[in-house]
C-alpha atoms as a PDB file:
ATOM      1  CA  MET A   1      29.980 -58.982  74.090  1.00  0.00           C
ATOM      2  CA  ILE A   2      33.512 -56.552  73.374  1.00  0.00           C
ATOM      3  CA  ASP A   3      35.287 -55.687  76.701  1.00  0.00           C
ATOM      4  CA  PHE A   4      35.938 -51.754  75.518  1.00  0.00           C
ATOM      5  CA  LEU A   5      37.855 -51.079  78.435  1.00  0.00           C
ATOM      6  CA  ALA A   6      40.514 -53.624  76.898  1.00  0.00           C
ATOM      7  CA  HIS A   7      40.140 -51.556  74.121  1.00  0.00           C
ATOM      8  CA  VAL A   8      41.393 -47.743  75.392  1.00  0.00           C
ATOM      9  CA  ARG A   9      44.114 -49.754  77.455  1.00  0.00           C
ATOM     10  CA  ALA A  10      45.361 -51.196  74.328  1.00  0.00           C
ATOM     11  CA  ASP A  11      44.916 -48.216  72.092  1.00  0.00           C
ATOM     12  CA  ALA A  12      46.115 -45.476  74.576  1.00  0.00           C
ATOM     13  CA  ASP A  13      49.317 -47.455  75.059  1.00  0.00           C
ATOM     14  CA  ARG A  14      49.640 -47.269  71.374  1.00  0.00           C
ATOM     15  CA  VAL A  15      48.916 -43.827  71.375  1.00  0.00           C
ATOM     16  CA  ALA A  16      52.079 -43.268  74.266  1.00  0.00           C
ATOM     17  CA  ALA A  17      54.535 -45.704  72.164  1.00  0.00           C
ATOM     18  CA  VAL A  18      54.198 -43.632  68.915  1.00  0.00           C
ATOM     19  CA  ALA A  19      54.557 -40.664  70.586  1.00  0.00           C
ATOM     20  CA  GLU A  20      57.854 -41.477  71.582  1.00  0.00           C
ATOM     21  CA  MET A  21      58.833 -41.753  67.382  1.00  0.00           C
ATOM     22  CA  GLY A  22      58.680 -37.839  67.663  1.00  0.00           C
ATOM     23  CA  MET A  23      55.654 -35.628  69.052  1.00  0.00           C
ATOM     24  CA  ASP A  24      56.580 -33.275  66.524  1.00  0.00           C
ATOM     25  CA  ALA A  25      55.458 -35.290  63.324  1.00  0.00           C
ATOM     26  CA  ALA A  26      52.301 -33.849  62.003  1.00  0.00           C
ATOM     27  CA  VAL A  27      48.744 -35.384  61.831  1.00  0.00           C
ATOM     28  CA  PRO A  28      47.526 -36.091  57.775  1.00  0.00           C
ATOM     29  CA  SER A  29      44.367 -36.572  59.281  1.00  0.00           C
ATOM     30  CA  CYS A  30      44.052 -33.594  61.514  1.00  0.00           C
ATOM     31  CA  PRO A  31      45.563 -30.456  59.363  1.00  0.00           C
ATOM     32  CA  GLY A  32      47.161 -28.036  61.736  1.00  0.00           C
ATOM     33  CA  TRP A  33      47.627 -30.547  63.838  1.00  0.00           C
ATOM     34  CA  THR A  34      50.948 -32.800  66.050  1.00  0.00           C
ATOM     35  CA  VAL A  35      51.201 -35.709  67.326  1.00  0.00           C
ATOM     36  CA  ARG A  36      50.591 -33.496  71.560  1.00  0.00           C
ATOM     37  CA  ASP A  37      47.793 -32.131  69.903  1.00  0.00           C
ATOM     38  CA  VAL A  38      46.606 -36.208  69.268  1.00  0.00           C
ATOM     39  CA  VAL A  39      48.307 -36.630  72.885  1.00  0.00           C
ATOM     40  CA  THR A  40      47.006 -33.264  74.893  1.00  0.00           C
ATOM     41  CA  HIS A  41      44.048 -33.497  72.965  1.00  0.00           C
ATOM     42  CA  THR A  42      43.362 -37.403  74.449  1.00  0.00           C
ATOM     43  CA  GLY A  43      44.129 -36.560  77.960  1.00  0.00           C
ATOM     44  CA  VAL A  44      41.839 -33.675  78.000  1.00  0.00           C
ATOM     45  CA  VAL A  45      38.998 -36.161  77.148  1.00  0.00           C
ATOM     46  CA  TYR A  46      40.159 -39.122  78.805  1.00  0.00           C
ATOM     47  CA  ALA A  47      40.241 -36.538  82.063  1.00  0.00           C
ATOM     48  CA  HIS A  48      37.177 -34.746  81.494  1.00  0.00           C
ATOM     49  CA  LYS A  49      35.700 -37.883  81.767  1.00  0.00           C
ATOM     50  CA  THR A  50      36.875 -38.991  84.725  1.00  0.00           C
ATOM     51  CA  THR A  51      35.858 -35.994  86.517  1.00  0.00           C
ATOM     52  CA  ILE A  52      31.969 -36.901  85.481  1.00  0.00           C
ATOM     53  CA  VAL A  53      32.258 -40.436  86.353  1.00  0.00           C
ATOM     54  CA  ARG A  54      34.427 -39.954  89.902  1.00  0.00           C
ATOM     55  CA  ASP A  55      32.063 -37.166  90.943  1.00  0.00           C
ATOM     56  CA  GLY A  56      28.897 -38.327  89.862  1.00  0.00           C
ATOM     57  CA  TRP A  57      28.331 -34.774  87.496  1.00  0.00           C
ATOM     58  CA  VAL A  58      24.508 -36.237  86.078  1.00  0.00           C
ATOM     59  CA  ASP A  59      22.800 -32.909  85.459  1.00  0.00           C
ATOM     60  CA  GLU A  60      25.043 -30.498  83.124  1.00  0.00           C
ATOM     61  CA  GLN A  61      29.285 -31.589  82.942  1.00  0.00           C
ATOM     62  CA  PRO A  62      31.707 -30.111  84.259  1.00  0.00           C
ATOM     63  CA  ASP A  63      34.902 -27.421  81.756  1.00  0.00           C
ATOM     64  CA  PRO A  64      37.465 -29.375  80.787  1.00  0.00           C
ATOM     65  CA  VAL A  65      41.412 -29.324  82.528  1.00  0.00           C
ATOM     66  CA  GLU A  66      43.757 -27.752  80.334  1.00  0.00           C
ATOM     67  CA  ALA A  67      46.690 -30.013  79.407  1.00  0.00           C
ATOM     68  CA  PRO A  68      50.054 -29.076  80.977  1.00  0.00           C
ATOM     69  CA  SER A  69      52.731 -27.146  79.260  1.00  0.00           C
ATOM     70  CA  SER A  70      55.842 -29.930  79.227  1.00  0.00           C
ATOM     71  CA  GLY A  71      55.766 -33.547  80.288  1.00  0.00           C
ATOM     72  CA  GLU A  72      53.019 -33.904  78.432  1.00  0.00           C
ATOM     73  CA  LEU A  73      53.256 -37.427  77.505  1.00  0.00           C
ATOM     74  CA  GLU A  74      54.008 -38.820  81.056  1.00  0.00           C
ATOM     75  CA  TRP A  75      50.376 -36.662  82.063  1.00  0.00           C
ATOM     76  CA  PHE A  76      48.759 -38.882  79.772  1.00  0.00           C
ATOM     77  CA  ARG A  77      49.507 -42.068  80.833  1.00  0.00           C
ATOM     78  CA  GLU A  78      48.600 -40.456  84.854  1.00  0.00           C
ATOM     79  CA  VAL A  79      45.168 -39.781  82.882  1.00  0.00           C
ATOM     80  CA  ALA A  80      44.724 -42.233  80.924  1.00  0.00           C
ATOM     81  CA  ASP A  81      45.397 -44.895  84.759  1.00  0.00           C
ATOM     82  CA  GLU A  82      42.456 -42.837  86.127  1.00  0.00           C
ATOM     83  CA  MET A  83      40.119 -42.890  83.744  1.00  0.00           C
ATOM     84  CA  LEU A  84      40.901 -46.364  83.235  1.00  0.00           C
ATOM     85  CA  GLU A  85      40.498 -47.561  86.801  1.00  0.00           C
ATOM     86  CA  VAL A  86      37.525 -45.226  87.245  1.00  0.00           C
ATOM     87  CA  LEU A  87      35.457 -46.943  84.658  1.00  0.00           C
ATOM     88  CA  ALA A  88      36.461 -50.051  85.480  1.00  0.00           C
ATOM     89  CA  THR A  89      34.709 -49.246  89.252  1.00  0.00           C
ATOM     90  CA  ALA A  90      31.834 -47.897  88.236  1.00  0.00           C
ATOM     91  CA  ASP A  91      28.613 -49.641  87.658  1.00  0.00           C
ATOM     92  CA  PRO A  92      27.825 -49.575  83.457  1.00  0.00           C
ATOM     93  CA  ALA A  93      24.099 -48.909  84.511  1.00  0.00           C
ATOM     94  CA  THR A  94      25.138 -45.416  87.020  1.00  0.00           C
ATOM     95  CA  ARG A  95      23.636 -42.179  85.885  1.00  0.00           C
ATOM     96  CA  VAL A  96      25.662 -39.338  84.665  1.00  0.00           C
ATOM     97  CA  ALA A  97      26.205 -36.368  82.751  1.00  0.00           C
ATOM     98  CA  THR A  98      26.216 -37.451  78.910  1.00  0.00           C
ATOM     99  CA  TRP A  99      25.684 -35.595  75.219  1.00  0.00           C
ATOM    100  CA  HIS A 100      23.122 -38.311  73.545  1.00  0.00           C
ATOM    101  CA  PRO A 101      19.975 -37.664  75.914  1.00  0.00           C
ATOM    102  CA  GLU A 102      19.265 -41.753  74.984  1.00  0.00           C
ATOM    103  CA  ASP A 103      21.861 -42.528  76.881  1.00  0.00           C
ATOM    104  CA  GLN A 104      22.782 -40.880  80.122  1.00  0.00           C
ATOM    105  CA  SER A 105      25.510 -43.806  81.789  1.00  0.00           C
ATOM    106  CA  VAL A 106      28.370 -44.039  82.462  1.00  0.00           C
ATOM    107  CA  GLY A 107      28.550 -47.249  80.105  1.00  0.00           C
ATOM    108  CA  PHE A 108      28.161 -44.612  77.544  1.00  0.00           C
ATOM    109  CA  TRP A 109      31.956 -43.423  78.498  1.00  0.00           C
ATOM    110  CA  ARG A 110      32.732 -47.133  78.052  1.00  0.00           C
ATOM    111  CA  ARG A 111      31.929 -47.074  74.821  1.00  0.00           C
ATOM    112  CA  ARG A 112      33.229 -43.320  73.395  1.00  0.00           C
ATOM    113  CA  MET A 113      35.971 -44.143  74.748  1.00  0.00           C
ATOM    114  CA  ALA A 114      36.215 -47.410  73.900  1.00  0.00           C
ATOM    115  CA  HIS A 115      36.684 -45.069  69.741  1.00  0.00           C
ATOM    116  CA  GLU A 116      37.773 -42.505  70.872  1.00  0.00           C
ATOM    117  CA  SER A 117      40.997 -44.280  71.753  1.00  0.00           C
ATOM    118  CA  VAL A 118      41.001 -45.809  68.713  1.00  0.00           C
ATOM    119  CA  ILE A 119      40.436 -42.578  66.244  1.00  0.00           C
ATOM    120  CA  HIS A 120      43.061 -40.511  68.183  1.00  0.00           C
ATOM    121  CA  ARG A 121      45.793 -43.737  68.150  1.00  0.00           C
ATOM    122  CA  LEU A 122      45.193 -44.058  64.147  1.00  0.00           C
ATOM    123  CA  ASP A 123      45.360 -40.159  64.168  1.00  0.00           C
ATOM    124  CA  ALA A 124      49.389 -40.311  66.144  1.00  0.00           C
ATOM    125  CA  GLU A 125      50.366 -43.998  63.576  1.00  0.00           C
ATOM    126  CA  LEU A 126      49.244 -41.888  60.427  1.00  0.00           C
ATOM    127  CA  ALA A 127      51.669 -39.385  61.734  1.00  0.00           C
ATOM    128  CA  HIS A 128      54.681 -41.585  61.605  1.00  0.00           C
ATOM    129  CA  GLY A 129      53.566 -44.209  58.818  1.00  0.00           C
ATOM    130  CA  VAL A 130      52.980 -46.899  61.513  1.00  0.00           C
ATOM    131  CA  VAL A 131      48.982 -47.665  60.786  1.00  0.00           C
ATOM    132  CA  THR A 132      47.634 -50.832  62.234  1.00  0.00           C
ATOM    133  CA  PRO A 133      44.706 -52.676  61.624  1.00  0.00           C
ATOM    134  CA  VAL A 134      41.144 -51.605  64.083  1.00  0.00           C
ATOM    135  CA  ASP A 135      39.933 -55.206  65.341  1.00  0.00           C
ATOM    136  CA  ALA A 136      36.586 -55.825  63.354  1.00  0.00           C
ATOM    137  CA  ALA A 137      34.098 -56.189  66.270  1.00  0.00           C
ATOM    138  CA  LEU A 138      35.418 -52.261  67.635  1.00  0.00           C
ATOM    139  CA  GLY A 139      34.876 -51.594  64.357  1.00  0.00           C
ATOM    140  CA  ALA A 140      31.715 -52.127  63.631  1.00  0.00           C
ATOM    141  CA  ASP A 141      30.569 -50.891  66.888  1.00  0.00           C
ATOM    142  CA  GLY A 142      32.373 -47.899  66.170  1.00  0.00           C
ATOM    143  CA  ILE A 143      30.149 -47.726  62.371  1.00  0.00           C
ATOM    144  CA  ASP A 144      27.030 -48.699  64.054  1.00  0.00           C
ATOM    145  CA  GLU A 145      27.743 -45.426  67.025  1.00  0.00           C
ATOM    146  CA  ILE A 146      28.645 -42.970  64.474  1.00  0.00           C
ATOM    147  CA  LEU A 147      25.913 -44.095  62.394  1.00  0.00           C
ATOM    148  CA  VAL A 148      23.007 -44.221  65.103  1.00  0.00           C
ATOM    149  CA  VAL A 149      24.506 -41.805  67.608  1.00  0.00           C
ATOM    150  CA  MET A 150      26.231 -39.190  65.748  1.00  0.00           C
ATOM    151  CA  MET A 151      25.598 -38.909  62.262  1.00  0.00           C
ATOM    152  CA  THR A 152      21.517 -39.850  61.637  1.00  0.00           C
ATOM    153  CA  GLY A 153      18.000 -37.387  63.190  1.00  0.00           C
ATOM    154  CA  ALA A 154      17.224 -34.201  63.966  1.00  0.00           C
ATOM    155  CA  PRO A 155      17.143 -31.998  66.400  1.00  0.00           C
ATOM    156  CA  ASP A 156      13.426 -31.617  67.829  1.00  0.00           C
ATOM    157  CA  TRP A 157      13.683 -27.879  67.353  1.00  0.00           C
ATOM    158  CA  SER A 158      14.203 -28.355  63.493  1.00  0.00           C
ATOM    159  CA  GLN A 159      11.601 -28.782  60.330  1.00  0.00           C
ATOM    160  CA  SER A 160      12.854 -31.869  58.881  1.00  0.00           C
ATOM    161  CA  SER A 161      11.843 -34.308  54.887  1.00  0.00           C
ATOM    162  CA  ARG A 162      13.084 -37.501  54.042  1.00  0.00           C
ATOM    163  CA  SER A 163      14.148 -38.756  49.774  1.00  0.00           C
ATOM    164  CA  GLN A 164      13.158 -41.554  48.208  1.00  0.00           C
ATOM    165  CA  LYS A 165      17.648 -42.102  47.805  1.00  0.00           C
ATOM    166  CA  VAL A 166      18.256 -45.090  50.794  1.00  0.00           C
ATOM    167  CA  ILE A 167      21.635 -45.553  51.258  1.00  0.00           C
ATOM    168  CA  SER A 168      22.801 -49.570  52.371  1.00  0.00           C
ATOM    169  CA  ILE A 169      25.856 -49.213  54.406  1.00  0.00           C
ATOM    170  CA  THR A 170      27.877 -52.624  54.203  1.00  0.00           C
ATOM    171  CA  GLU A 171      30.597 -54.080  56.909  1.00  0.00           C
ATOM    172  CA  THR A 172      32.151 -57.680  54.535  1.00  0.00           C
ATOM    173  CA  ASP A 173      34.025 -59.002  57.891  1.00  0.00           C
ATOM    174  CA  ALA A 174      29.929 -60.478  60.025  1.00  0.00           C
ATOM    175  CA  GLY A 175      27.729 -59.194  57.384  1.00  0.00           C
ATOM    176  CA  ARG A 176      25.885 -56.313  59.252  1.00  0.00           C
ATOM    177  CA  THR A 177      24.111 -53.129  56.955  1.00  0.00           C
ATOM    178  CA  TRP A 178      22.521 -50.207  58.085  1.00  0.00           C
ATOM    179  CA  ARG A 179      20.915 -48.089  55.318  1.00  0.00           C
ATOM    180  CA  LEU A 180      20.424 -44.357  55.870  1.00  0.00           C
ATOM    181  CA  ARG A 181      17.550 -42.770  53.904  1.00  0.00           C
ATOM    182  CA  VAL A 182      18.821 -39.072  52.769  1.00  0.00           C
ATOM    183  CA  GLY A 183      16.986 -35.908  54.136  1.00  0.00           C
ATOM    184  CA  ASP A 184      17.320 -33.108  55.594  1.00  0.00           C
ATOM    185  CA  PHE A 185      16.611 -30.502  58.252  1.00  0.00           C
ATOM    186  CA  THR A 186      15.110 -26.388  58.434  1.00  0.00           C
ATOM    187  CA  GLY A 187      15.510 -24.414  61.998  1.00  0.00           C
ATOM    188  CA  THR A 188      17.432 -21.921  64.370  1.00  0.00           C
ATOM    189  CA  SER A 189      19.129 -24.003  67.118  1.00  0.00           C
ATOM    190  CA  PRO A 190      18.498 -22.581  70.982  1.00  0.00           C
ATOM    191  CA  GLY A 191      21.749 -21.221  70.291  1.00  0.00           C
ATOM    192  CA  GLY A 192      20.718 -18.911  67.016  1.00  0.00           C
ATOM    193  CA  HIS A 193      22.525 -20.662  64.871  1.00  0.00           C
ATOM    194  CA  GLU A 194      20.005 -20.796  61.444  1.00  0.00           C
ATOM    195  CA  TYR A 195      20.110 -23.918  59.540  1.00  0.00           C
ATOM    196  CA  ASP A 196      18.603 -24.216  55.538  1.00  0.00           C
ATOM    197  CA  HIS A 197      17.857 -27.975  54.507  1.00  0.00           C
ATOM    198  CA  GLU A 198      21.054 -29.100  56.085  1.00  0.00           C
ATOM    199  CA  PRO A 199      21.929 -32.828  55.153  1.00  0.00           C
ATOM    200  CA  THR A 200      21.588 -35.277  57.550  1.00  0.00           C
ATOM    201  CA  PHE A 201      19.567 -39.285  57.207  1.00  0.00           C
ATOM    202  CA  PHE A 202      17.446 -40.819  58.715  1.00  0.00           C
ATOM    203  CA  ILE A 203      17.799 -45.092  60.454  1.00  0.00           C
ATOM    204  CA  ASP A 204      15.684 -46.965  57.383  1.00  0.00           C
ATOM    205  CA  GLU A 205      13.326 -50.027  57.633  1.00  0.00           C
ATOM    206  CA  THR A 206      11.825 -50.058  54.975  1.00  0.00           C
ATOM    207  CA  ASP A 207      12.278 -52.226  52.051  1.00  0.00           C
ATOM    208  CA  ALA A 208      12.769 -49.911  49.599  1.00  0.00           C
ATOM    209  CA  ALA A 209      14.984 -50.068  46.842  1.00  0.00           C
ATOM    210  CA  VAL A 210      19.249 -48.860  47.688  1.00  0.00           C
ATOM    211  CA  THR A 211      19.900 -45.746  45.685  1.00  0.00           C
ATOM    212  CA  ALA A 212      23.446 -46.642  46.673  1.00  0.00           C
ATOM    213  CA  SER A 213      25.670 -48.623  48.592  1.00  0.00           C
ATOM    214  CA  ILE A 214      28.753 -49.018  50.638  1.00  0.00           C
ATOM    215  CA  ALA A 215      30.760 -52.014  52.359  1.00  0.00           C
ATOM    216  CA  GLY A 216      33.958 -53.022  52.852  1.00  0.00           C
ATOM    217  CA  PRO A 217      35.741 -54.700  56.059  1.00  0.00           C
ATOM    218  CA  ALA A 218      34.643 -52.945  59.739  1.00  0.00           C
ATOM    219  CA  GLY A 219      37.586 -51.297  60.514  1.00  0.00           C
ATOM    220  CA  HIS A 220      38.266 -49.620  57.531  1.00  0.00           C
ATOM    221  CA  LEU A 221      34.390 -48.490  57.760  1.00  0.00           C
ATOM    222  CA  ASP A 222      34.981 -46.725  60.585  1.00  0.00           C
ATOM    223  CA  SER A 223      37.668 -46.036  60.048  1.00  0.00           C
ATOM    224  CA  TRP A 224      36.776 -44.532  56.807  1.00  0.00           C
ATOM    225  CA  LEU A 225      33.408 -42.406  58.584  1.00  0.00           C
ATOM    226  CA  TRP A 226      36.132 -40.725  60.260  1.00  0.00           C
ATOM    227  CA  GLY A 227      38.049 -39.569  57.616  1.00  0.00           C
ATOM    228  CA  ARG A 228      41.000 -42.075  59.237  1.00  0.00           C
ATOM    229  CA  ALA A 229      41.596 -43.722  55.300  1.00  0.00           C
ATOM    230  CA  ALA A 230      40.875 -42.788  52.033  1.00  0.00           C
ATOM    231  CA  PRO A 231      37.922 -44.830  50.019  1.00  0.00           C
ATOM    232  CA  ASP A 232      40.374 -47.189  48.287  1.00  0.00           C
ATOM    233  CA  GLY A 233      39.329 -50.584  49.453  1.00  0.00           C
ATOM    234  CA  LEU A 234      35.463 -49.946  50.114  1.00  0.00           C
ATOM    235  CA  ILE A 235      32.983 -51.143  47.304  1.00  0.00           C
ATOM    236  CA  ILE A 236      30.739 -48.221  46.412  1.00  0.00           C
ATOM    237  CA  ALA A 237      27.666 -49.049  43.702  1.00  0.00           C
ATOM    238  CA  GLY A 238      25.018 -46.720  42.819  1.00  0.00           C
ATOM    239  CA  ASP A 239      24.955 -43.286  42.887  1.00  0.00           C
ATOM    240  CA  ALA A 240      28.257 -42.291  44.285  1.00  0.00           C
ATOM    241  CA  SER A 241      28.011 -39.030  45.122  1.00  0.00           C
ATOM    242  CA  LEU A 242      25.844 -40.487  47.821  1.00  0.00           C
ATOM    243  CA  ALA A 243      28.990 -41.850  50.141  1.00  0.00           C
ATOM    244  CA  ASP A 244      31.040 -38.200  49.701  1.00  0.00           C
ATOM    245  CA  LEU A 245      27.508 -37.346  50.871  1.00  0.00           C
ATOM    246  CA  VAL A 246      27.842 -39.167  54.259  1.00  0.00           C
ATOM    247  CA  ARG A 247      31.356 -38.935  53.960  1.00  0.00           C
ATOM    248  CA  SER A 248      30.981 -34.779  54.714  1.00  0.00           C
ATOM    249  CA  VAL A 249      27.990 -35.289  57.132  1.00  0.00           C
ATOM    250  CA  ALA A 250      30.139 -38.032  59.306  1.00  0.00           C
ATOM    251  CA  ALA A 251      33.089 -34.853  59.024  1.00  0.00           C
ATOM    252  CA  ASP A 252      30.411 -32.513  60.154  1.00  0.00           C
ATOM    253  CA  SER A 253      29.038 -34.432  62.822  1.00  0.00           C
ATOM    254  CA  THR A 254      32.536 -35.325  64.707  1.00  0.00           C
ATOM    255  CA  GLN A 255      33.695 -31.910  64.490  1.00  0.00           C
END
């Protein structure tokens, strides 16, 4: 069982510690951002989730708060502390608003904030060249979150199709594997945006032969999927272009 809140605590503290090395350092993983942007963005996310859980938002989400124009690091520490207290005292099963229809619970935000925190901890560390490893268990759960919750499936307003191409993704710490079938979807969103054969993936539960495979340590795979690590060190076999497609869809899914 992963203690998500312990990871939030550790990574929020690490963001603050690295930010003390310089708030104006450029963040290579987020072009145009500085460490100050990492601090304020993450703080805004924390404050928003605190409001949802503390005030019991259910059918809609509140507007985001604005970060202060000065004293950002002190404010970040305060909102991190507040969010952790609110998440720790709330029942994980309590229903609250989330952006994931299949999980409208406090527990969703506990998990999501752990992954939000580790990814932005990496951003701050990359800016100062002091990257530390991602915990293997958290990394494996992060792979599961991005693949299953964020990257796969098609909107219910679209028409989708599936190809014969299957990709296996394996984290080598515990040997867990996910199988993705390449597909696409076409349609017009409720907001009026048109999609024409937009690439996507579907979780594949067949025993079909794989077209490509990607394997590596859980923390590194998770970081790569989020664009915080290069593919160096991953073992990619078969159609290597499908690894590029995985990373492209991951980037689009996590904007």
